[in-house]
N, C-alpha and C. Protein backbone atom coordinates (compact mmCIF):
# COMPACT_ATOMS: atom_id res chain seq x y z
N MET A 1 3.10 1.19 -2.28
CA MET A 1 4.45 0.85 -1.72
C MET A 1 4.17 1.61 -0.37
N LEU A 2 5.01 1.21 0.57
CA LEU A 2 5.36 2.04 1.84
C LEU A 2 6.32 3.06 1.74
N ARG A 3 5.98 4.22 1.91
CA ARG A 3 7.15 5.38 1.58
C ARG A 3 6.97 6.31 3.00
N LEU A 4 8.04 6.90 3.23
CA LEU A 4 8.20 7.78 4.44
C LEU A 4 7.53 9.24 3.75
N LEU A 5 6.63 9.75 4.46
CA LEU A 5 6.12 11.14 3.91
C LEU A 5 7.11 12.30 4.53
N LYS A 6 7.26 13.24 3.79
CA LYS A 6 8.05 14.42 4.26
C LYS A 6 7.23 15.54 4.52
N ARG A 7 7.14 16.26 5.76
CA ARG A 7 6.51 17.36 6.14
C ARG A 7 7.30 18.56 6.18
N SER A 8 6.98 19.56 5.42
CA SER A 8 7.57 20.83 5.29
C SER A 8 7.34 21.55 6.60
N LEU A 9 8.53 22.02 7.37
CA LEU A 9 8.24 22.68 8.42
C LEU A 9 7.82 24.02 8.36
N ALA A 10 7.96 24.62 7.21
CA ALA A 10 7.52 26.08 6.87
C ALA A 10 6.04 26.05 6.59
N THR A 11 5.60 25.06 5.72
CA THR A 11 4.21 25.14 5.37
C THR A 11 3.35 24.14 5.95
N GLY A 12 4.00 23.22 6.49
CA GLY A 12 2.98 22.00 7.16
C GLY A 12 2.45 21.20 5.99
N ILE A 13 2.85 21.33 4.79
CA ILE A 13 2.30 20.62 3.92
C ILE A 13 3.29 19.00 3.64
N VAL A 14 2.39 18.08 3.65
CA VAL A 14 2.90 16.49 3.56
C VAL A 14 3.22 16.44 2.13
N THR A 15 4.39 15.80 1.65
CA THR A 15 4.54 15.46 0.29
C THR A 15 5.12 14.07 0.34
N GLU A 16 5.10 13.40 -0.70
CA GLU A 16 5.81 12.04 -1.03
C GLU A 16 6.91 12.31 -1.86
N PRO A 17 8.10 11.69 -1.35
CA PRO A 17 9.37 11.91 -2.18
C PRO A 17 9.01 11.18 -3.41
N PRO A 18 9.91 11.49 -4.59
CA PRO A 18 9.83 10.79 -5.89
C PRO A 18 10.32 9.48 -5.62
N PRO A 19 9.88 8.54 -6.55
CA PRO A 19 10.28 7.18 -6.36
C PRO A 19 11.60 6.90 -6.85
N SER A 20 12.52 6.07 -6.18
CA SER A 20 13.75 5.77 -6.40
C SER A 20 13.99 4.94 -7.65
N THR A 21 15.22 4.73 -8.23
CA THR A 21 15.49 3.84 -9.34
C THR A 21 15.13 2.53 -9.05
N GLU A 22 15.35 1.95 -7.68
CA GLU A 22 14.92 0.78 -7.52
C GLU A 22 13.52 0.60 -7.25
N ASP A 23 12.72 1.54 -6.78
CA ASP A 23 11.33 1.32 -6.71
C ASP A 23 10.85 1.34 -7.98
N ARG A 24 11.32 2.07 -9.18
CA ARG A 24 10.71 1.91 -10.37
C ARG A 24 11.16 0.60 -11.11
N GLU A 25 12.31 0.01 -10.68
CA GLU A 25 12.70 -1.19 -11.09
C GLU A 25 11.90 -2.31 -10.88
N LEU A 26 11.62 -2.34 -9.53
CA LEU A 26 10.82 -3.30 -8.86
C LEU A 26 9.35 -3.24 -9.49
N GLU A 27 8.82 -1.94 -9.77
CA GLU A 27 7.55 -1.97 -10.18
C GLU A 27 7.69 -2.51 -11.66
N ARG A 28 8.64 -2.16 -12.50
CA ARG A 28 8.72 -2.58 -13.97
C ARG A 28 8.89 -4.09 -13.88
N LEU A 29 9.64 -4.76 -12.98
CA LEU A 29 9.56 -6.05 -12.99
C LEU A 29 8.34 -6.92 -12.52
N GLY A 30 7.54 -6.25 -11.75
CA GLY A 30 6.43 -6.65 -11.20
C GLY A 30 5.31 -6.81 -12.20
N ILE A 31 5.31 -5.65 -13.03
CA ILE A 31 4.25 -5.57 -14.11
C ILE A 31 4.61 -6.46 -15.13
N GLU A 32 5.86 -6.70 -15.46
CA GLU A 32 6.23 -7.75 -16.37
C GLU A 32 5.79 -9.10 -16.08
N VAL A 33 6.09 -9.49 -14.71
CA VAL A 33 5.71 -10.91 -14.21
C VAL A 33 4.16 -10.79 -14.32
N ARG A 34 3.26 -9.94 -13.72
CA ARG A 34 1.98 -10.01 -13.90
C ARG A 34 1.20 -10.24 -15.33
N ARG A 35 1.95 -9.55 -16.25
CA ARG A 35 1.78 -9.71 -17.85
C ARG A 35 1.70 -11.24 -18.07
N HIS A 36 3.08 -11.89 -17.87
CA HIS A 36 3.32 -13.21 -18.07
C HIS A 36 2.16 -14.12 -17.38
N LEU A 37 2.09 -13.84 -16.18
CA LEU A 37 1.17 -14.72 -15.21
C LEU A 37 -0.30 -14.59 -15.73
N GLU A 38 -0.80 -13.36 -16.37
CA GLU A 38 -2.10 -13.37 -16.86
C GLU A 38 -2.11 -14.21 -18.23
N ALA A 39 -1.02 -14.27 -19.02
CA ALA A 39 -1.15 -14.94 -20.33
C ALA A 39 -1.07 -16.57 -19.90
N ARG A 40 -0.15 -16.81 -18.94
CA ARG A 40 0.00 -18.28 -18.81
C ARG A 40 -0.67 -18.95 -17.57
N TYR A 41 -0.86 -18.25 -16.36
CA TYR A 41 -1.26 -18.97 -15.30
C TYR A 41 -2.64 -18.35 -14.86
N GLY A 42 -3.43 -17.75 -15.59
CA GLY A 42 -4.82 -17.19 -15.13
C GLY A 42 -4.65 -16.03 -14.17
N GLY A 43 -3.36 -15.51 -14.26
CA GLY A 43 -3.11 -14.26 -13.25
C GLY A 43 -2.52 -14.39 -12.04
N SER A 44 -2.49 -15.60 -11.66
CA SER A 44 -1.57 -15.85 -10.28
C SER A 44 -0.46 -17.10 -10.40
N LEU A 45 0.27 -17.01 -9.39
CA LEU A 45 1.32 -18.17 -9.37
C LEU A 45 1.58 -18.34 -7.98
N ALA A 46 1.33 -19.56 -7.75
CA ALA A 46 1.43 -20.24 -6.25
C ALA A 46 2.60 -20.75 -5.92
N ILE A 47 3.55 -20.25 -5.12
CA ILE A 47 4.96 -20.99 -4.87
C ILE A 47 4.84 -21.60 -3.49
N ARG A 48 5.46 -22.85 -3.62
CA ARG A 48 5.95 -23.65 -2.28
C ARG A 48 7.32 -23.26 -2.02
N GLU A 49 7.57 -22.73 -1.02
CA GLU A 49 9.03 -22.58 -0.55
C GLU A 49 9.48 -23.91 0.31
N VAL A 50 10.70 -24.39 -0.14
CA VAL A 50 11.22 -25.59 0.46
C VAL A 50 12.53 -25.29 0.96
N ASP A 51 12.89 -25.39 2.24
CA ASP A 51 14.32 -25.14 2.88
C ASP A 51 14.83 -26.52 3.13
N ALA A 52 15.78 -26.70 2.12
CA ALA A 52 16.28 -28.18 2.05
C ALA A 52 17.63 -28.31 2.77
N GLY A 53 17.90 -27.11 3.53
CA GLY A 53 19.06 -27.30 4.47
C GLY A 53 19.76 -26.04 4.72
N SER A 54 19.17 -24.75 4.48
CA SER A 54 19.87 -23.58 4.28
C SER A 54 20.21 -22.91 5.66
N CYS A 55 20.89 -21.91 5.43
CA CYS A 55 21.29 -21.24 6.86
C CYS A 55 20.18 -20.21 7.31
N ASN A 56 19.13 -20.10 6.39
CA ASN A 56 17.97 -19.03 6.64
C ASN A 56 18.15 -17.81 6.14
N GLY A 57 19.57 -17.53 5.68
CA GLY A 57 19.66 -16.07 4.88
C GLY A 57 18.53 -15.94 3.66
N CYS A 58 18.41 -17.02 2.99
CA CYS A 58 17.66 -16.97 1.74
C CYS A 58 16.21 -16.75 2.03
N GLU A 59 15.84 -17.37 3.31
CA GLU A 59 14.31 -17.12 3.70
C GLU A 59 14.22 -15.86 4.17
N LEU A 60 14.98 -15.15 4.86
CA LEU A 60 14.99 -13.82 5.10
C LEU A 60 14.66 -12.95 4.08
N GLU A 61 15.30 -12.98 2.79
CA GLU A 61 15.11 -12.36 1.76
C GLU A 61 13.75 -12.66 1.00
N ILE A 62 13.44 -14.02 1.09
CA ILE A 62 11.97 -14.33 0.54
C ILE A 62 10.96 -13.95 1.36
N HIS A 63 10.93 -13.88 2.78
CA HIS A 63 10.07 -13.13 3.48
C HIS A 63 10.01 -11.64 3.10
N ALA A 64 10.99 -11.09 2.71
CA ALA A 64 11.01 -9.60 2.61
C ALA A 64 10.11 -9.27 1.20
N LEU A 65 9.98 -10.35 0.41
CA LEU A 65 9.30 -10.31 -0.63
C LEU A 65 7.67 -9.92 -0.40
N ASN A 66 7.32 -10.28 0.80
CA ASN A 66 5.90 -10.47 1.20
C ASN A 66 5.73 -9.14 2.21
N ASN A 67 6.83 -8.34 2.46
CA ASN A 67 6.48 -7.14 3.27
C ASN A 67 5.78 -5.96 2.42
N PRO A 68 5.41 -5.07 3.24
CA PRO A 68 4.75 -3.88 2.59
C PRO A 68 5.51 -3.25 1.34
N TYR A 69 6.72 -3.27 1.60
CA TYR A 69 7.58 -2.53 0.61
C TYR A 69 7.63 -3.27 -0.78
N HIS A 70 7.88 -4.56 -0.82
CA HIS A 70 7.93 -5.44 -2.14
C HIS A 70 6.42 -5.77 -2.32
N ASP A 71 5.76 -6.29 -1.52
CA ASP A 71 4.31 -6.63 -1.69
C ASP A 71 4.21 -7.47 -2.76
N LEU A 72 4.65 -8.62 -2.86
CA LEU A 72 4.69 -9.33 -4.24
C LEU A 72 3.11 -9.93 -4.49
N GLU A 73 2.51 -9.89 -3.57
CA GLU A 73 1.00 -10.25 -3.95
C GLU A 73 0.28 -9.51 -5.05
N ARG A 74 0.79 -8.21 -4.90
CA ARG A 74 0.10 -7.26 -5.93
C ARG A 74 0.45 -7.56 -7.30
N PHE A 75 1.42 -8.30 -7.50
CA PHE A 75 1.87 -8.86 -9.00
C PHE A 75 1.17 -10.43 -9.17
N GLY A 76 0.37 -10.72 -8.25
CA GLY A 76 -0.18 -12.10 -8.65
C GLY A 76 0.67 -13.32 -8.02
N ILE A 77 1.63 -13.20 -7.23
CA ILE A 77 2.41 -14.29 -6.74
C ILE A 77 2.29 -14.33 -5.28
N HIS A 78 2.02 -15.45 -4.88
CA HIS A 78 1.71 -15.84 -3.35
C HIS A 78 2.30 -17.09 -2.98
N PHE A 79 2.58 -17.37 -1.74
CA PHE A 79 3.16 -18.55 -1.28
C PHE A 79 2.13 -19.35 -0.64
N VAL A 80 2.20 -20.60 -0.91
CA VAL A 80 1.13 -21.62 -0.32
C VAL A 80 1.67 -22.56 0.65
N ALA A 81 0.96 -23.15 1.39
CA ALA A 81 1.48 -24.21 2.32
C ALA A 81 1.63 -25.63 1.87
N SER A 82 0.76 -25.79 0.69
CA SER A 82 1.07 -27.40 0.16
C SER A 82 1.54 -27.26 -1.18
N PRO A 83 2.49 -28.24 -1.32
CA PRO A 83 2.80 -28.44 -2.91
C PRO A 83 1.69 -28.83 -3.87
N ARG A 84 0.70 -29.36 -3.28
CA ARG A 84 -0.48 -29.91 -4.23
C ARG A 84 -1.02 -28.53 -4.82
N HIS A 85 -1.01 -27.36 -4.11
CA HIS A 85 -1.67 -26.15 -4.61
C HIS A 85 -0.60 -25.26 -5.34
N ALA A 86 0.77 -25.79 -5.57
CA ALA A 86 1.77 -24.83 -6.05
C ALA A 86 1.96 -25.06 -7.48
N ASP A 87 2.20 -23.99 -8.07
CA ASP A 87 2.73 -23.84 -9.42
C ASP A 87 4.27 -24.02 -9.69
N ALA A 88 4.93 -23.67 -8.60
CA ALA A 88 6.50 -23.74 -8.32
C ALA A 88 6.72 -24.03 -7.29
N LEU A 89 8.10 -24.61 -7.12
CA LEU A 89 8.77 -24.88 -5.89
C LEU A 89 10.06 -23.97 -5.95
N LEU A 90 10.18 -23.07 -4.85
CA LEU A 90 11.39 -22.27 -4.63
C LEU A 90 12.32 -22.96 -3.70
N VAL A 91 13.43 -23.37 -4.03
CA VAL A 91 14.22 -24.33 -3.09
C VAL A 91 15.38 -23.54 -2.67
N THR A 92 15.79 -23.69 -1.41
CA THR A 92 16.78 -22.92 -0.79
C THR A 92 17.77 -23.92 0.09
N GLY A 93 19.20 -23.67 -0.07
CA GLY A 93 19.97 -24.40 0.79
C GLY A 93 20.55 -25.64 0.00
N PRO A 94 21.64 -26.07 0.45
CA PRO A 94 22.16 -27.25 -0.13
C PRO A 94 21.17 -28.35 0.33
N VAL A 95 21.02 -29.44 -0.31
CA VAL A 95 20.05 -30.47 0.08
C VAL A 95 20.76 -31.40 1.04
N SER A 96 20.17 -31.25 2.07
CA SER A 96 20.81 -32.37 3.22
C SER A 96 20.38 -33.67 2.95
N ARG A 97 20.99 -34.53 3.39
CA ARG A 97 20.77 -36.05 3.02
C ARG A 97 19.40 -36.36 3.85
N HIS A 98 19.17 -35.59 5.01
CA HIS A 98 17.79 -36.09 5.70
C HIS A 98 16.50 -35.34 4.82
N MET A 99 16.94 -34.29 3.95
CA MET A 99 15.90 -33.73 3.24
C MET A 99 15.67 -34.22 1.90
N GLU A 100 16.57 -35.04 1.42
CA GLU A 100 16.49 -35.56 0.11
C GLU A 100 15.29 -36.33 -0.35
N ALA A 101 14.79 -37.22 0.58
CA ALA A 101 13.53 -37.95 0.22
C ALA A 101 12.32 -37.01 0.30
N ALA A 102 12.34 -36.07 1.28
CA ALA A 102 11.20 -34.97 1.31
C ALA A 102 11.20 -34.17 0.12
N LEU A 103 12.39 -33.78 -0.43
CA LEU A 103 12.32 -32.76 -1.48
C LEU A 103 11.66 -33.68 -2.76
N ARG A 104 12.13 -34.84 -2.92
CA ARG A 104 11.69 -35.61 -3.98
C ARG A 104 10.13 -35.92 -3.88
N ARG A 105 9.74 -36.07 -2.51
CA ARG A 105 8.22 -36.11 -2.33
C ARG A 105 7.43 -34.90 -2.60
N THR A 106 8.12 -33.72 -2.37
CA THR A 106 7.41 -32.59 -2.53
C THR A 106 7.26 -32.25 -4.29
N LEU A 107 8.26 -32.48 -4.69
CA LEU A 107 8.30 -32.52 -6.20
C LEU A 107 7.25 -33.18 -6.91
N ALA A 108 7.10 -34.57 -6.43
CA ALA A 108 6.05 -35.41 -6.84
C ALA A 108 4.71 -34.96 -6.64
N ALA A 109 4.59 -34.42 -5.60
CA ALA A 109 3.31 -33.73 -5.19
C ALA A 109 2.74 -32.49 -5.80
N THR A 110 3.63 -31.90 -6.41
CA THR A 110 3.52 -30.67 -7.18
C THR A 110 2.90 -31.02 -8.63
N PRO A 111 1.76 -30.53 -9.07
CA PRO A 111 1.37 -30.79 -10.28
C PRO A 111 1.90 -30.38 -11.46
N GLU A 112 2.07 -30.88 -12.50
CA GLU A 112 2.58 -30.48 -13.86
C GLU A 112 1.49 -29.35 -14.42
N PRO A 113 2.01 -28.56 -15.13
CA PRO A 113 3.62 -28.17 -15.48
C PRO A 113 4.03 -27.35 -14.20
N ARG A 114 5.03 -27.79 -13.59
CA ARG A 114 5.73 -27.11 -12.66
C ARG A 114 6.96 -26.40 -12.81
N ILE A 115 7.28 -25.48 -11.91
CA ILE A 115 8.47 -24.89 -12.09
C ILE A 115 9.19 -25.08 -10.92
N VAL A 116 10.72 -25.47 -10.98
CA VAL A 116 11.56 -25.63 -10.01
C VAL A 116 12.47 -24.51 -10.05
N ILE A 117 12.80 -23.62 -8.88
CA ILE A 117 13.75 -22.63 -8.95
C ILE A 117 14.82 -23.09 -7.55
N ALA A 118 16.15 -23.04 -8.00
CA ALA A 118 17.02 -23.09 -6.82
C ALA A 118 17.47 -21.64 -6.51
N ALA A 119 17.30 -21.26 -5.30
CA ALA A 119 17.59 -19.83 -4.99
C ALA A 119 18.71 -19.79 -3.90
N GLY A 120 19.75 -19.01 -4.05
CA GLY A 120 20.64 -18.73 -3.33
C GLY A 120 22.04 -19.78 -3.92
N GLU A 121 23.26 -19.46 -3.52
CA GLU A 121 24.17 -20.20 -3.83
C GLU A 121 24.38 -21.47 -3.47
N CYS A 122 24.05 -21.87 -2.16
CA CYS A 122 23.95 -23.18 -1.84
C CYS A 122 23.14 -24.05 -2.66
N ALA A 123 21.97 -23.63 -3.00
CA ALA A 123 20.97 -24.36 -3.82
C ALA A 123 21.40 -24.57 -5.22
N CYS A 124 22.07 -23.47 -5.78
CA CYS A 124 22.79 -23.56 -7.15
C CYS A 124 23.85 -24.36 -7.26
N THR A 125 24.79 -24.25 -6.30
CA THR A 125 26.07 -24.86 -6.44
C THR A 125 26.45 -26.06 -5.20
N GLY A 126 25.67 -25.81 -4.24
CA GLY A 126 26.34 -26.62 -2.93
C GLY A 126 26.96 -25.68 -2.07
N GLY A 127 27.40 -24.39 -2.55
CA GLY A 127 28.05 -23.57 -1.59
C GLY A 127 29.24 -24.04 -0.94
N ILE A 128 29.37 -23.52 0.22
CA ILE A 128 30.54 -24.08 1.09
C ILE A 128 30.47 -25.56 1.40
N PHE A 129 29.17 -26.07 1.50
CA PHE A 129 28.95 -27.37 1.93
C PHE A 129 29.27 -28.34 0.81
N GLY A 130 29.13 -28.04 -0.39
CA GLY A 130 29.54 -28.93 -1.46
C GLY A 130 28.53 -30.32 -1.23
N THR A 131 29.24 -31.52 -1.84
CA THR A 131 28.70 -32.71 -1.66
C THR A 131 29.51 -33.71 -0.53
N SER A 132 28.81 -33.97 0.52
CA SER A 132 29.63 -34.91 1.42
C SER A 132 28.73 -35.77 2.15
N TYR A 133 29.11 -36.33 3.23
CA TYR A 133 28.37 -37.17 3.78
C TYR A 133 26.98 -36.94 4.33
N ALA A 134 26.89 -35.61 4.56
CA ALA A 134 25.57 -34.89 5.14
C ALA A 134 25.12 -34.12 4.16
N SER A 135 25.51 -33.89 2.85
CA SER A 135 24.96 -32.89 2.00
C SER A 135 24.92 -33.49 0.63
N CYS A 136 23.75 -33.50 -0.27
CA CYS A 136 23.73 -33.83 -1.58
C CYS A 136 24.18 -32.84 -2.38
N GLY A 137 24.55 -31.66 -1.84
CA GLY A 137 24.98 -30.46 -2.64
C GLY A 137 23.73 -29.81 -3.46
N ALA A 138 23.93 -29.34 -4.56
CA ALA A 138 23.17 -28.42 -5.39
C ALA A 138 21.74 -29.09 -5.39
N VAL A 139 20.84 -28.42 -5.56
CA VAL A 139 19.29 -28.81 -5.67
C VAL A 139 19.28 -29.70 -7.17
N GLU A 140 19.91 -29.47 -7.96
CA GLU A 140 19.88 -30.14 -9.31
C GLU A 140 20.49 -31.57 -9.13
N ASN A 141 21.26 -31.90 -8.19
CA ASN A 141 21.66 -33.13 -7.81
C ASN A 141 20.61 -34.23 -7.38
N VAL A 142 19.38 -33.47 -7.08
CA VAL A 142 18.43 -34.34 -6.61
C VAL A 142 17.25 -34.29 -7.30
N VAL A 143 16.88 -33.22 -7.75
CA VAL A 143 15.71 -32.76 -8.74
C VAL A 143 16.12 -32.06 -9.89
N PRO A 144 15.34 -32.06 -11.17
CA PRO A 144 15.59 -31.14 -12.05
C PRO A 144 15.28 -29.64 -11.76
N VAL A 145 16.19 -28.74 -12.00
CA VAL A 145 15.91 -27.31 -11.75
C VAL A 145 15.69 -26.57 -13.20
N ASP A 146 14.66 -25.47 -13.28
CA ASP A 146 14.43 -24.82 -14.36
C ASP A 146 15.24 -23.57 -14.24
N VAL A 147 15.41 -23.05 -13.03
CA VAL A 147 16.08 -21.66 -12.98
C VAL A 147 16.92 -21.59 -11.86
N ARG A 148 18.09 -21.10 -11.92
CA ARG A 148 18.96 -20.83 -10.70
C ARG A 148 18.99 -19.36 -10.38
N ILE A 149 18.95 -19.02 -9.24
CA ILE A 149 19.07 -17.64 -8.71
C ILE A 149 20.37 -17.48 -7.78
N PRO A 150 21.54 -17.20 -8.36
CA PRO A 150 22.75 -17.23 -7.42
C PRO A 150 22.53 -16.12 -6.41
N GLY A 151 23.46 -15.94 -5.52
CA GLY A 151 23.71 -15.08 -4.53
C GLY A 151 23.56 -15.48 -3.12
N CYS A 152 24.23 -14.90 -2.13
CA CYS A 152 24.55 -15.38 -0.78
C CYS A 152 24.14 -14.20 0.15
N PRO A 153 22.73 -13.95 0.48
CA PRO A 153 21.70 -14.54 -0.12
C PRO A 153 21.33 -13.57 -1.40
N PRO A 154 20.38 -14.25 -2.33
CA PRO A 154 20.06 -13.15 -3.40
C PRO A 154 18.81 -12.27 -2.80
N THR A 155 19.07 -10.90 -3.36
CA THR A 155 18.07 -10.05 -2.95
C THR A 155 16.74 -10.04 -3.24
N PRO A 156 15.64 -9.42 -2.64
CA PRO A 156 14.30 -9.65 -3.15
C PRO A 156 14.18 -9.29 -4.64
N ARG A 157 14.84 -8.41 -5.19
CA ARG A 157 14.77 -7.94 -6.68
C ARG A 157 15.40 -9.22 -7.51
N MET A 158 16.44 -9.80 -7.18
CA MET A 158 17.04 -10.90 -7.76
C MET A 158 16.02 -12.34 -7.75
N LEU A 159 15.39 -12.38 -6.49
CA LEU A 159 14.37 -13.37 -6.54
C LEU A 159 13.25 -13.02 -7.58
N LEU A 160 12.69 -11.67 -7.55
CA LEU A 160 11.73 -11.50 -8.65
C LEU A 160 12.26 -11.62 -10.14
N GLN A 161 13.46 -11.30 -10.40
CA GLN A 161 13.97 -11.60 -11.67
C GLN A 161 14.05 -12.97 -11.97
N GLY A 162 14.49 -13.87 -10.93
CA GLY A 162 14.58 -15.22 -11.19
C GLY A 162 13.09 -15.66 -11.48
N ILE A 163 12.19 -15.32 -10.81
CA ILE A 163 10.84 -15.84 -10.79
C ILE A 163 10.17 -15.63 -12.22
N LEU A 164 10.50 -14.33 -12.58
CA LEU A 164 10.22 -13.95 -13.97
C LEU A 164 10.92 -14.67 -15.03
N ALA A 165 12.09 -14.99 -14.95
CA ALA A 165 12.98 -15.86 -15.84
C ALA A 165 12.25 -17.24 -15.92
N ALA A 166 11.66 -17.72 -14.63
CA ALA A 166 11.20 -19.09 -14.68
C ALA A 166 9.89 -19.03 -15.46
N VAL A 167 9.20 -18.14 -15.39
CA VAL A 167 7.69 -17.95 -16.04
C VAL A 167 7.99 -17.90 -17.53
N ARG A 168 8.92 -16.87 -17.97
CA ARG A 168 9.26 -16.78 -19.36
C ARG A 168 9.63 -18.14 -19.93
N ARG A 169 10.60 -18.76 -19.19
CA ARG A 169 10.85 -20.30 -19.69
C ARG A 169 9.93 -21.34 -19.85
N LYS A 170 9.07 -21.27 -18.97
CA LYS A 170 7.89 -22.14 -19.03
C LYS A 170 6.95 -21.94 -20.13
N ALA A 171 6.88 -20.41 -20.37
CA ALA A 171 5.88 -20.20 -21.39
C ALA A 171 6.34 -20.69 -22.68
N ARG A 172 7.65 -20.87 -23.11
CA ARG A 172 8.05 -21.25 -24.31
C ARG A 172 7.68 -22.66 -24.72
């Protein structure tokens, strides 16, 4: 993990601060995810992220999963550009009417057994947009969802917990 190092002014010795509770929790979650992935998915999980009409708040947190601090790939999880290479779909935002057909086609292109994760309040419930002439609302109104990760937006730790819950659920 990326950490700031402290340099003692008196001695000039560089020391690393002790890991925080959040660091330890992230590491624990990641190790558990990796253990489940090794048993079920050959050690890696490929995720295709689909923005079905979000405000991009959830995408910012998803991108944070790939930064040096969270470094999701060290746990065996990576994002792919094609649903044909994906084990899971991570869908954000309420499904706009214009994205409804695209989301269905993306799901159809993702090989079985696949996981569908709704990330963010809008994906889980439709959020403030609900169902209207322009919005289908929650992702589950369009495609079946395995796991819902609430939050506006969900934190990277919440996203990792949701991915772990999805992998556990599919393992049963």
